[in-house]
């Protein structure tokens, strides 16, 4: 499929893109090449091919949810300006 200057200008207008007139031929060539590739891909017989959401049939590696560190709340809160009942006190942000 070949796009001309008018087609590129219309696409740019619809996409709200500003394109210099000097760049229009290059855009037309690149967009035409992309559309040709899409036509080639559409021509491939995909009968019997199961659609997939991702090209790799990968599973996420999960680790067991176990405690790996000891409770250091008292040590960490020793540096806080204000603490009450094991909680950090911060200035009110929302009225």
PDB file of N, CA and C in Angstrom:
ATOM      1  N   UNK A   1       0.850  -1.168   0.000  1.00  0.00           N
ATOM      2  CA  UNK A   1       0.000   0.000   0.000  1.00  0.00           C
ATOM      3  C   UNK A   1       0.894   1.229   0.000  1.00  0.00           C
ATOM      4  N   UNK A   2       0.595   2.156  -0.874  1.00  0.00           N
ATOM      5  CA  UNK A   2       1.423   3.341  -0.993  1.00  0.00           C
ATOM      6  C   UNK A   2       0.639   4.568  -0.546  1.00  0.00           C
ATOM      7  N   UNK A   3       1.248   5.342   0.332  1.00  0.00           N
ATOM      8  CA  UNK A   3       0.623   6.573   0.816  1.00  0.00           C
ATOM      9  C   UNK A   3       1.228   7.764   0.086  1.00  0.00           C
ATOM     10  N   UNK A   4       0.409   8.757  -0.195  1.00  0.00           N
ATOM     11  CA  UNK A   4       0.924   9.968  -0.819  1.00  0.00           C
ATOM     12  C   UNK A   4       0.942  11.109   0.199  1.00  0.00           C
ATOM     13  N   UNK A   5       1.319  12.293  -0.256  1.00  0.00           N
ATOM     14  CA  UNK A   5       1.458  13.448   0.625  1.00  0.00           C
ATOM     15  C   UNK A   5       0.132  13.791   1.303  1.00  0.00           C
ATOM     16  N   UNK A   6      -0.951  13.707   0.563  1.00  0.00           N
ATOM     17  CA  UNK A   6      -2.269  14.042   1.119  1.00  0.00           C
ATOM     18  C   UNK A   6      -2.631  13.086   2.263  1.00  0.00           C
ATOM     19  N   UNK A   7      -2.345  11.789   2.068  1.00  0.00           N
ATOM     20  CA  UNK A   7      -2.647  10.802   3.115  1.00  0.00           C
ATOM     21  C   UNK A   7      -1.857  11.083   4.395  1.00  0.00           C
ATOM     22  N   UNK A   8      -0.572  11.400   4.250  1.00  0.00           N
ATOM     23  CA  UNK A   8       0.269  11.675   5.413  1.00  0.00           C
ATOM     24  C   UNK A   8      -0.213  12.929   6.132  1.00  0.00           C
ATOM     25  N   UNK A   9      -0.573  13.949   5.385  1.00  0.00           N
ATOM     26  CA  UNK A   9      -1.072  15.180   6.007  1.00  0.00           C
ATOM     27  C   UNK A   9      -2.382  14.929   6.743  1.00  0.00           C
ATOM     28  N   UNK A  10      -3.253  14.089   6.182  1.00  0.00           N
ATOM     29  CA  UNK A  10      -4.517  13.768   6.840  1.00  0.00           C
ATOM     30  C   UNK A  10      -4.269  12.977   8.124  1.00  0.00           C
ATOM     31  N   UNK A  11      -3.357  12.006   8.070  1.00  0.00           N
ATOM     32  CA  UNK A  11      -3.021  11.217   9.259  1.00  0.00           C
ATOM     33  C   UNK A  11      -2.431  12.129  10.337  1.00  0.00           C
ATOM     34  N   UNK A  12      -1.535  13.026   9.937  1.00  0.00           N
ATOM     35  CA  UNK A  12      -0.923  13.946  10.895  1.00  0.00           C
ATOM     36  C   UNK A  12      -1.981  14.848  11.524  1.00  0.00           C
ATOM     37  N   UNK A  13      -2.938  15.293  10.718  1.00  0.00           N
ATOM     38  CA  UNK A  13      -4.010  16.141  11.255  1.00  0.00           C
ATOM     39  C   UNK A  13      -4.864  15.366  12.262  1.00  0.00           C
ATOM     40  N   UNK A  14      -5.226  14.149  11.924  1.00  0.00           N
ATOM     41  CA  UNK A  14      -6.042  13.339  12.830  1.00  0.00           C
ATOM     42  C   UNK A  14      -5.300  13.017  14.127  1.00  0.00           C
ATOM     43  N   UNK A  15      -3.979  12.848  14.045  1.00  0.00           N
ATOM     44  CA  UNK A  15      -3.174  12.541  15.223  1.00  0.00           C
ATOM     45  C   UNK A  15      -2.718  13.811  15.940  1.00  0.00           C
ATOM     46  N   UNK A  16      -3.115  14.948  15.402  1.00  0.00           N
ATOM     47  CA  UNK A  16      -2.739  16.248  15.972  1.00  0.00           C
ATOM     48  C   UNK A  16      -1.220  16.407  16.054  1.00  0.00           C
ATOM     49  N   UNK A  17      -0.537  16.029  14.952  1.00  0.00           N
ATOM     50  CA  UNK A  17       0.912  16.137  14.868  1.00  0.00           C
ATOM     51  C   UNK A  17       1.296  17.220  13.881  1.00  0.00           C
ATOM     52  N   UNK A  18       2.286  17.991  14.235  1.00  0.00           N
ATOM     53  CA  UNK A  18       2.814  18.983  13.312  1.00  0.00           C
ATOM     54  C   UNK A  18       3.989  18.393  12.559  1.00  0.00           C
ATOM     55  N   UNK A  19       3.876  18.330  11.237  1.00  0.00           N
ATOM     56  CA  UNK A  19       4.927  17.740  10.404  1.00  0.00           C
ATOM     57  C   UNK A  19       5.378  18.788   9.400  1.00  0.00           C
ATOM     58  N   UNK A  20       6.702  18.949   9.267  1.00  0.00           N
ATOM     59  CA  UNK A  20       7.241  19.857   8.252  1.00  0.00           C
ATOM     60  C   UNK A  20       6.986  19.271   6.869  1.00  0.00           C
ATOM     61  N   UNK A  21       6.718  20.133   5.913  1.00  0.00           N
ATOM     62  CA  UNK A  21       6.462  19.676   4.539  1.00  0.00           C
ATOM     63  C   UNK A  21       7.658  18.934   3.958  1.00  0.00           C
ATOM     64  N   UNK A  22       8.864  19.291   4.400  1.00  0.00           N
ATOM     65  CA  UNK A  22      10.064  18.625   3.886  1.00  0.00           C
ATOM     66  C   UNK A  22      10.151  17.174   4.363  1.00  0.00           C
ATOM     67  N   UNK A  23       9.508  16.861   5.496  1.00  0.00           N
ATOM     68  CA  UNK A  23       9.577  15.509   6.049  1.00  0.00           C
ATOM     69  C   UNK A  23       8.473  14.593   5.542  1.00  0.00           C
ATOM     70  N   UNK A  24       7.494  15.133   4.837  1.00  0.00           N
ATOM     71  CA  UNK A  24       6.339  14.343   4.406  1.00  0.00           C
ATOM     72  C   UNK A  24       6.737  13.163   3.524  1.00  0.00           C
ATOM     73  N   UNK A  25       7.630  13.317   2.535  1.00  0.00           N
ATOM     74  CA  UNK A  25       7.989  12.147   1.712  1.00  0.00           C
ATOM     75  C   UNK A  25       8.599  11.002   2.520  1.00  0.00           C
ATOM     76  N   UNK A  26       9.424  11.326   3.502  1.00  0.00           N
ATOM     77  CA  UNK A  26      10.024  10.270   4.321  1.00  0.00           C
ATOM     78  C   UNK A  26       8.957   9.568   5.157  1.00  0.00           C
ATOM     79  N   UNK A  27       8.033  10.357   5.734  1.00  0.00           N
ATOM     80  CA  UNK A  27       6.935   9.756   6.491  1.00  0.00           C
ATOM     81  C   UNK A  27       6.088   8.860   5.592  1.00  0.00           C
ATOM     82  N   UNK A  28       5.823   9.314   4.380  1.00  0.00           N
ATOM     83  CA  UNK A  28       5.014   8.525   3.443  1.00  0.00           C
ATOM     84  C   UNK A  28       5.708   7.201   3.141  1.00  0.00           C
ATOM     85  N   UNK A  29       7.010   7.241   2.923  1.00  0.00           N
ATOM     86  CA  UNK A  29       7.762   6.023   2.626  1.00  0.00           C
ATOM     87  C   UNK A  29       7.732   5.063   3.823  1.00  0.00           C
ATOM     88  N   UNK A  30       8.011   5.590   5.034  1.00  0.00           N
ATOM     89  CA  UNK A  30       8.045   4.740   6.230  1.00  0.00           C
ATOM     90  C   UNK A  30       6.673   4.145   6.545  1.00  0.00           C
ATOM     91  N   UNK A  31       5.633   4.963   6.468  1.00  0.00           N
ATOM     92  CA  UNK A  31       4.290   4.448   6.748  1.00  0.00           C
ATOM     93  C   UNK A  31       3.862   3.420   5.708  1.00  0.00           C
ATOM     94  N   UNK A  32       4.231   3.635   4.458  1.00  0.00           N
ATOM     95  CA  UNK A  32       3.908   2.666   3.407  1.00  0.00           C
ATOM     96  C   UNK A  32       4.600   1.334   3.670  1.00  0.00           C
ATOM     97  N   UNK A  33       5.847   1.390   4.131  1.00  0.00           N
ATOM     98  CA  UNK A  33       6.580   0.159   4.438  1.00  0.00           C
ATOM     99  C   UNK A  33       5.918  -0.589   5.600  1.00  0.00           C
ATOM    100  N   UNK A  34       5.454   0.152   6.594  1.00  0.00           N
ATOM    101  CA  UNK A  34       4.779  -0.484   7.729  1.00  0.00           C
ATOM    102  C   UNK A  34       3.481  -1.145   7.268  1.00  0.00           C
ATOM    103  N   UNK A  35       2.713  -0.456   6.452  1.00  0.00           N
ATOM    104  CA  UNK A  35       1.453  -1.022   5.962  1.00  0.00           C
ATOM    105  C   UNK A  35       1.694  -2.233   5.070  1.00  0.00           C
ATOM    106  N   UNK A  36       2.773  -2.216   4.278  1.00  0.00           N
ATOM    107  CA  UNK A  36       3.121  -3.391   3.464  1.00  0.00           C
ATOM    108  C   UNK A  36       3.444  -4.593   4.354  1.00  0.00           C
ATOM    109  N   UNK A  37       4.162  -4.354   5.447  1.00  0.00           N
ATOM    110  CA  UNK A  37       4.478  -5.441   6.369  1.00  0.00           C
ATOM    111  C   UNK A  37       3.203  -5.995   7.008  1.00  0.00           C
ATOM    112  N   UNK A  38       2.282  -5.121   7.372  1.00  0.00           N
ATOM    113  CA  UNK A  38       1.016  -5.568   7.956  1.00  0.00           C
ATOM    114  C   UNK A  38       0.239  -6.413   6.949  1.00  0.00           C
ATOM    115  N   UNK A  39       0.246  -6.018   5.680  1.00  0.00           N
ATOM    116  CA  UNK A  39      -0.429  -6.811   4.647  1.00  0.00           C
ATOM    117  C   UNK A  39       0.208  -8.184   4.513  1.00  0.00           C
ATOM    118  N   UNK A  40       1.537  -8.248   4.573  1.00  0.00           N
ATOM    119  CA  UNK A  40       2.224  -9.536   4.491  1.00  0.00           C
ATOM    120  C   UNK A  40       1.843 -10.423   5.673  1.00  0.00           C
ATOM    121  N   UNK A  41       1.785  -9.842   6.856  1.00  0.00           N
ATOM    122  CA  UNK A  41       1.438 -10.610   8.046  1.00  0.00           C
ATOM    123  C   UNK A  41      -0.017 -11.072   7.991  1.00  0.00           C
ATOM    124  N   UNK A  42      -0.901 -10.254   7.436  1.00  0.00           N
ATOM    125  CA  UNK A  42      -2.308 -10.624   7.337  1.00  0.00           C
ATOM    126  C   UNK A  42      -2.507 -11.763   6.337  1.00  0.00           C
ATOM    127  N   UNK A  43      -1.592 -11.905   5.377  1.00  0.00           N
ATOM    128  CA  UNK A  43      -1.720 -12.939   4.361  1.00  0.00           C
ATOM    129  C   UNK A  43      -1.304 -14.323   4.869  1.00  0.00           C
ATOM    130  N   UNK A  44      -0.656 -14.391   6.007  1.00  0.00           N
ATOM    131  CA  UNK A  44      -0.195 -15.668   6.542  1.00  0.00           C
ATOM    132  C   UNK A  44      -1.394 -16.464   7.064  1.00  0.00           C
ATOM    133  N   UNK A  45      -1.411 -17.754   6.732  1.00  0.00           N
ATOM    134  CA  UNK A  45      -2.491 -18.634   7.187  1.00  0.00           C
ATOM    135  C   UNK A  45      -2.252 -19.006   8.646  1.00  0.00           C
ATOM    136  N   UNK A  46      -3.141 -18.575   9.508  1.00  0.00           N
ATOM    137  CA  UNK A  46      -3.008 -18.849  10.940  1.00  0.00           C
ATOM    138  C   UNK A  46      -4.051 -19.845  11.423  1.00  0.00           C
ATOM    139  N   UNK A  47      -4.607 -20.611  10.527  1.00  0.00           N
ATOM    140  CA  UNK A  47      -5.588 -21.609  10.911  1.00  0.00           C
ATOM    141  C   UNK A  47      -4.946 -22.625  11.849  1.00  0.00           C
ATOM    142  N   UNK A  48      -5.586 -22.870  12.972  1.00  0.00           N
ATOM    143  CA  UNK A  48      -5.088 -23.840  13.927  1.00  0.00           C
ATOM    144  C   UNK A  48      -4.040 -23.300  14.890  1.00  0.00           C
ATOM    145  N   UNK A  49      -3.723 -22.024  14.778  1.00  0.00           N
ATOM    146  CA  UNK A  49      -2.751 -21.430  15.691  1.00  0.00           C
ATOM    147  C   UNK A  49      -3.508 -20.806  16.856  1.00  0.00           C
ATOM    148  N   UNK A  50      -3.164 -21.209  18.053  1.00  0.00           N
ATOM    149  CA  UNK A  50      -3.838 -20.690  19.242  1.00  0.00           C
ATOM    150  C   UNK A  50      -3.336 -19.285  19.550  1.00  0.00           C
ATOM    151  N   UNK A  51      -4.260 -18.332  19.695  1.00  0.00           N
ATOM    152  CA  UNK A  51      -3.823 -16.978  20.053  1.00  0.00           C
ATOM    153  C   UNK A  51      -3.208 -16.968  21.446  1.00  0.00           C
ATOM    154  N   UNK A  52      -2.240 -16.100  21.640  1.00  0.00           N
ATOM    155  CA  UNK A  52      -1.621 -16.008  22.955  1.00  0.00           C
ATOM    156  C   UNK A  52      -1.482 -14.549  23.362  1.00  0.00           C
ATOM    157  N   UNK A  53      -1.431 -14.334  24.665  1.00  0.00           N
ATOM    158  CA  UNK A  53      -1.320 -12.977  25.186  1.00  0.00           C
ATOM    159  C   UNK A  53       0.126 -12.510  25.190  1.00  0.00           C
ATOM    160  N   UNK A  54       1.061 -13.440  25.217  1.00  0.00           N
ATOM    161  CA  UNK A  54       2.476 -13.099  25.265  1.00  0.00           C
ATOM    162  C   UNK A  54       3.242 -14.165  24.493  1.00  0.00           C
ATOM    163  N   UNK A  55       4.289 -13.774  23.771  1.00  0.00           N
ATOM    164  CA  UNK A  55       5.000 -14.764  22.955  1.00  0.00           C
ATOM    165  C   UNK A  55       5.786 -15.791  23.760  1.00  0.00           C
ATOM    166  N   UNK A  56       6.085 -15.505  25.003  1.00  0.00           N
ATOM    167  CA  UNK A  56       6.814 -16.457  25.831  1.00  0.00           C
ATOM    168  C   UNK A  56       5.861 -17.092  26.828  1.00  0.00           C
ATOM    169  N   UNK A  57       5.881 -18.397  26.891  1.00  0.00           N
ATOM    170  CA  UNK A  57       5.019 -19.100  27.838  1.00  0.00           C
ATOM    171  C   UNK A  57       5.760 -19.185  29.169  1.00  0.00           C
ATOM    172  N   UNK A  58       5.917 -18.037  29.817  1.00  0.00           N
ATOM    173  CA  UNK A  58       6.707 -17.969  31.043  1.00  0.00           C
ATOM    174  C   UNK A  58       5.798 -17.830  32.258  1.00  0.00           C
ATOM    175  N   UNK A  59       6.260 -18.346  33.322  1.00  0.00           N
ATOM    176  CA  UNK A  59       5.564 -18.208  34.598  1.00  0.00           C
ATOM    177  C   UNK A  59       6.455 -17.387  35.518  1.00  0.00           C
ATOM    178  N   UNK A  60       5.822 -16.585  36.342  1.00  0.00           N
ATOM    179  CA  UNK A  60       6.586 -15.772  37.277  1.00  0.00           C
ATOM    180  C   UNK A  60       7.097 -16.631  38.415  1.00  0.00           C
ATOM    181  N   UNK A  61       8.383 -16.492  38.686  1.00  0.00           N
ATOM    182  CA  UNK A  61       8.965 -17.236  39.795  1.00  0.00           C
ATOM    183  C   UNK A  61       8.531 -16.576  41.091  1.00  0.00           C
ATOM    184  N   UNK A  62       7.951 -17.331  41.952  1.00  0.00           N
ATOM    185  CA  UNK A  62       7.499 -16.813  43.233  1.00  0.00           C
ATOM    186  C   UNK A  62       8.317 -17.431  44.344  1.00  0.00           C
ATOM    187  N   UNK A  63       8.537 -16.652  45.376  1.00  0.00           N
ATOM    188  CA  UNK A  63       9.239 -17.189  46.535  1.00  0.00           C
ATOM    189  C   UNK A  63       8.243 -17.331  47.669  1.00  0.00           C
ATOM    190  N   UNK A  64       8.610 -18.130  48.632  1.00  0.00           N
ATOM    191  CA  UNK A  64       7.753 -18.307  49.787  1.00  0.00           C
ATOM    192  C   UNK A  64       7.712 -17.023  50.598  1.00  0.00           C
ATOM    193  N   UNK A  65       6.557 -16.714  51.151  1.00  0.00           N
ATOM    194  CA  UNK A  65       6.387 -15.514  51.949  1.00  0.00           C
ATOM    195  C   UNK A  65       6.795 -15.821  53.392  1.00  0.00           C
ATOM    196  N   UNK A  66       8.078 -15.625  53.669  1.00  0.00           N
ATOM    197  CA  UNK A  66       8.601 -15.909  55.000  1.00  0.00           C
ATOM    198  C   UNK A  66       9.329 -14.672  55.520  1.00  0.00           C
ATOM    199  N   UNK A  67       9.389 -14.527  56.821  1.00  0.00           N
ATOM    200  CA  UNK A  67      10.092 -13.418  57.455  1.00  0.00           C
ATOM    201  C   UNK A  67      11.592 -13.669  57.340  1.00  0.00           C
ATOM    202  N   UNK A  68      12.311 -12.670  56.820  1.00  0.00           N
ATOM    203  CA  UNK A  68      13.752 -12.826  56.646  1.00  0.00           C
ATOM    204  C   UNK A  68      14.546 -11.879  57.542  1.00  0.00           C
ATOM    205  N   UNK A  69      13.875 -10.900  58.161  1.00  0.00           N
ATOM    206  CA  UNK A  69      14.561  -9.956  59.031  1.00  0.00           C
ATOM    207  C   UNK A  69      13.863  -9.918  60.383  1.00  0.00           C
ATOM    208  N   UNK A  70      14.628  -9.571  61.385  1.00  0.00           N
ATOM    209  CA  UNK A  70      14.043  -9.452  62.720  1.00  0.00           C
ATOM    210  C   UNK A  70      13.382  -8.088  62.869  1.00  0.00           C
ATOM    211  N   UNK A  71      12.491  -7.980  63.839  1.00  0.00           N
ATOM    212  CA  UNK A  71      11.795  -6.729  64.101  1.00  0.00           C
ATOM    213  C   UNK A  71      12.772  -5.716  64.701  1.00  0.00           C
ATOM    214  N   UNK A  72      13.003  -4.601  64.001  1.00  0.00           N
ATOM    215  CA  UNK A  72      13.922  -3.572  64.457  1.00  0.00           C
ATOM    216  C   UNK A  72      13.205  -2.239  64.653  1.00  0.00           C
ATOM    217  N   UNK A  73      11.916  -2.290  64.974  1.00  0.00           N
ATOM    218  CA  UNK A  73      11.127  -1.072  65.073  1.00  0.00           C
ATOM    219  C   UNK A  73      11.707  -0.094  66.087  1.00  0.00           C
ATOM    220  N   UNK A  74      12.057  -0.548  67.260  1.00  0.00           N
ATOM    221  CA  UNK A  74      12.592   0.351  68.293  1.00  0.00           C
ATOM    222  C   UNK A  74      13.890   1.018  67.834  1.00  0.00           C
ATOM    223  N   UNK A  75      14.740   0.264  67.192  1.00  0.00           N
ATOM    224  CA  UNK A  75      16.009   0.814  66.692  1.00  0.00           C
ATOM    225  C   UNK A  75      15.763   1.852  65.613  1.00  0.00           C
ATOM    226  N   UNK A  76      14.839   1.568  64.692  1.00  0.00           N
ATOM    227  CA  UNK A  76      14.558   2.491  63.592  1.00  0.00           C
ATOM    228  C   UNK A  76      13.812   3.738  64.072  1.00  0.00           C
ATOM    229  N   UNK A  77      12.940   3.580  65.054  1.00  0.00           N
ATOM    230  CA  UNK A  77      12.186   4.729  65.536  1.00  0.00           C
ATOM    231  C   UNK A  77      12.999   5.599  66.490  1.00  0.00           C
ATOM    232  N   UNK A  78      14.155   5.150  66.896  1.00  0.00           N
ATOM    233  CA  UNK A  78      15.011   5.954  67.766  1.00  0.00           C
ATOM    234  C   UNK A  78      15.454   7.234  67.061  1.00  0.00           C
ATOM    235  N   UNK A  79      15.521   7.229  65.734  1.00  0.00           N
ATOM    236  CA  UNK A  79      15.930   8.401  64.967  1.00  0.00           C
ATOM    237  C   UNK A  79      14.761   9.317  64.610  1.00  0.00           C
ATOM    238  N   UNK A  80      13.544   8.889  64.844  1.00  0.00           N
ATOM    239  CA  UNK A  80      12.367   9.675  64.454  1.00  0.00           C
ATOM    240  C   UNK A  80      12.158  10.833  65.420  1.00  0.00           C
ATOM    241  N   UNK A  81      11.716  12.002  64.908  1.00  0.00           N
ATOM    242  CA  UNK A  81      11.474  13.139  65.786  1.00  0.00           C
ATOM    243  C   UNK A  81      10.316  12.898  66.755  1.00  0.00           C
ATOM    244  N   UNK A  82       9.249  12.211  66.299  1.00  0.00           N
ATOM    245  CA  UNK A  82       8.110  11.945  67.174  1.00  0.00           C
ATOM    246  C   UNK A  82       7.574  10.536  66.923  1.00  0.00           C
ATOM    247  N   UNK A  83       7.366   9.818  68.011  1.00  0.00           N
ATOM    248  CA  UNK A  83       6.839   8.460  67.948  1.00  0.00           C
ATOM    249  C   UNK A  83       5.821   8.319  69.061  1.00  0.00           C
ATOM    250  N   UNK A  84       4.737   7.604  68.765  1.00  0.00           N
ATOM    251  CA  UNK A  84       3.743   7.343  69.804  1.00  0.00           C
ATOM    252  C   UNK A  84       3.122   5.977  69.566  1.00  0.00           C
ATOM    253  N   UNK A  85       3.175   5.110  70.555  1.00  0.00           N
ATOM    254  CA  UNK A  85       2.561   3.787  70.458  1.00  0.00           C
ATOM    255  C   UNK A  85       3.126   2.942  69.332  1.00  0.00           C
ATOM    256  N   UNK A  86       4.420   3.108  69.043  1.00  0.00           N
ATOM    257  CA  UNK A  86       5.043   2.324  67.992  1.00  0.00           C
ATOM    258  C   UNK A  86       4.789   2.849  66.586  1.00  0.00           C
ATOM    259  N   UNK A  87       4.208   4.060  66.484  1.00  0.00           N
ATOM    260  CA  UNK A  87       3.910   4.649  65.176  1.00  0.00           C
ATOM    261  C   UNK A  87       4.703   5.941  64.997  1.00  0.00           C
ATOM    262  N   UNK A  88       5.083   6.240  63.770  1.00  0.00           N
ATOM    263  CA  UNK A  88       5.732   7.509  63.459  1.00  0.00           C
ATOM    264  C   UNK A  88       4.661   8.601  63.428  1.00  0.00           C
ATOM    265  N   UNK A  89       4.912   9.718  64.081  1.00  0.00           N
ATOM    266  CA  UNK A  89       3.994  10.848  64.026  1.00  0.00           C
ATOM    267  C   UNK A  89       4.524  11.838  62.998  1.00  0.00           C
ATOM    268  N   UNK A  90       3.634  12.265  62.111  1.00  0.00           N
ATOM    269  CA  UNK A  90       4.008  13.204  61.041  1.00  0.00           C
ATOM    270  C   UNK A  90       3.065  14.399  61.103  1.00  0.00           C
ATOM    271  N   UNK A  91       3.487  15.545  60.552  1.00  0.00           N
ATOM    272  CA  UNK A  91       2.606  16.708  60.534  1.00  0.00           C
ATOM    273  C   UNK A  91       1.348  16.420  59.711  1.00  0.00           C
ATOM    274  N   UNK A  92       0.251  17.049  60.094  1.00  0.00           N
ATOM    275  CA  UNK A  92      -1.003  16.869  59.373  1.00  0.00           C
ATOM    276  C   UNK A  92      -0.865  17.482  57.978  1.00  0.00           C
ATOM    277  N   UNK A  93      -1.244  16.729  56.982  1.00  0.00           N
ATOM    278  CA  UNK A  93      -1.112  17.177  55.588  1.00  0.00           C
ATOM    279  C   UNK A  93      -2.470  17.602  55.048  1.00  0.00           C
ATOM    280  N   UNK A  94      -3.509  16.892  55.392  1.00  0.00           N
ATOM    281  CA  UNK A  94      -4.857  17.167  54.886  1.00  0.00           C
ATOM    282  C   UNK A  94      -5.691  17.728  56.030  1.00  0.00           C
ATOM    283  N   UNK A  95      -6.382  18.802  55.745  1.00  0.00           N
ATOM    284  CA  UNK A  95      -7.232  19.409  56.776  1.00  0.00           C
ATOM    285  C   UNK A  95      -8.609  18.798  56.766  1.00  0.00           C
TER     286      UNK A  95
END
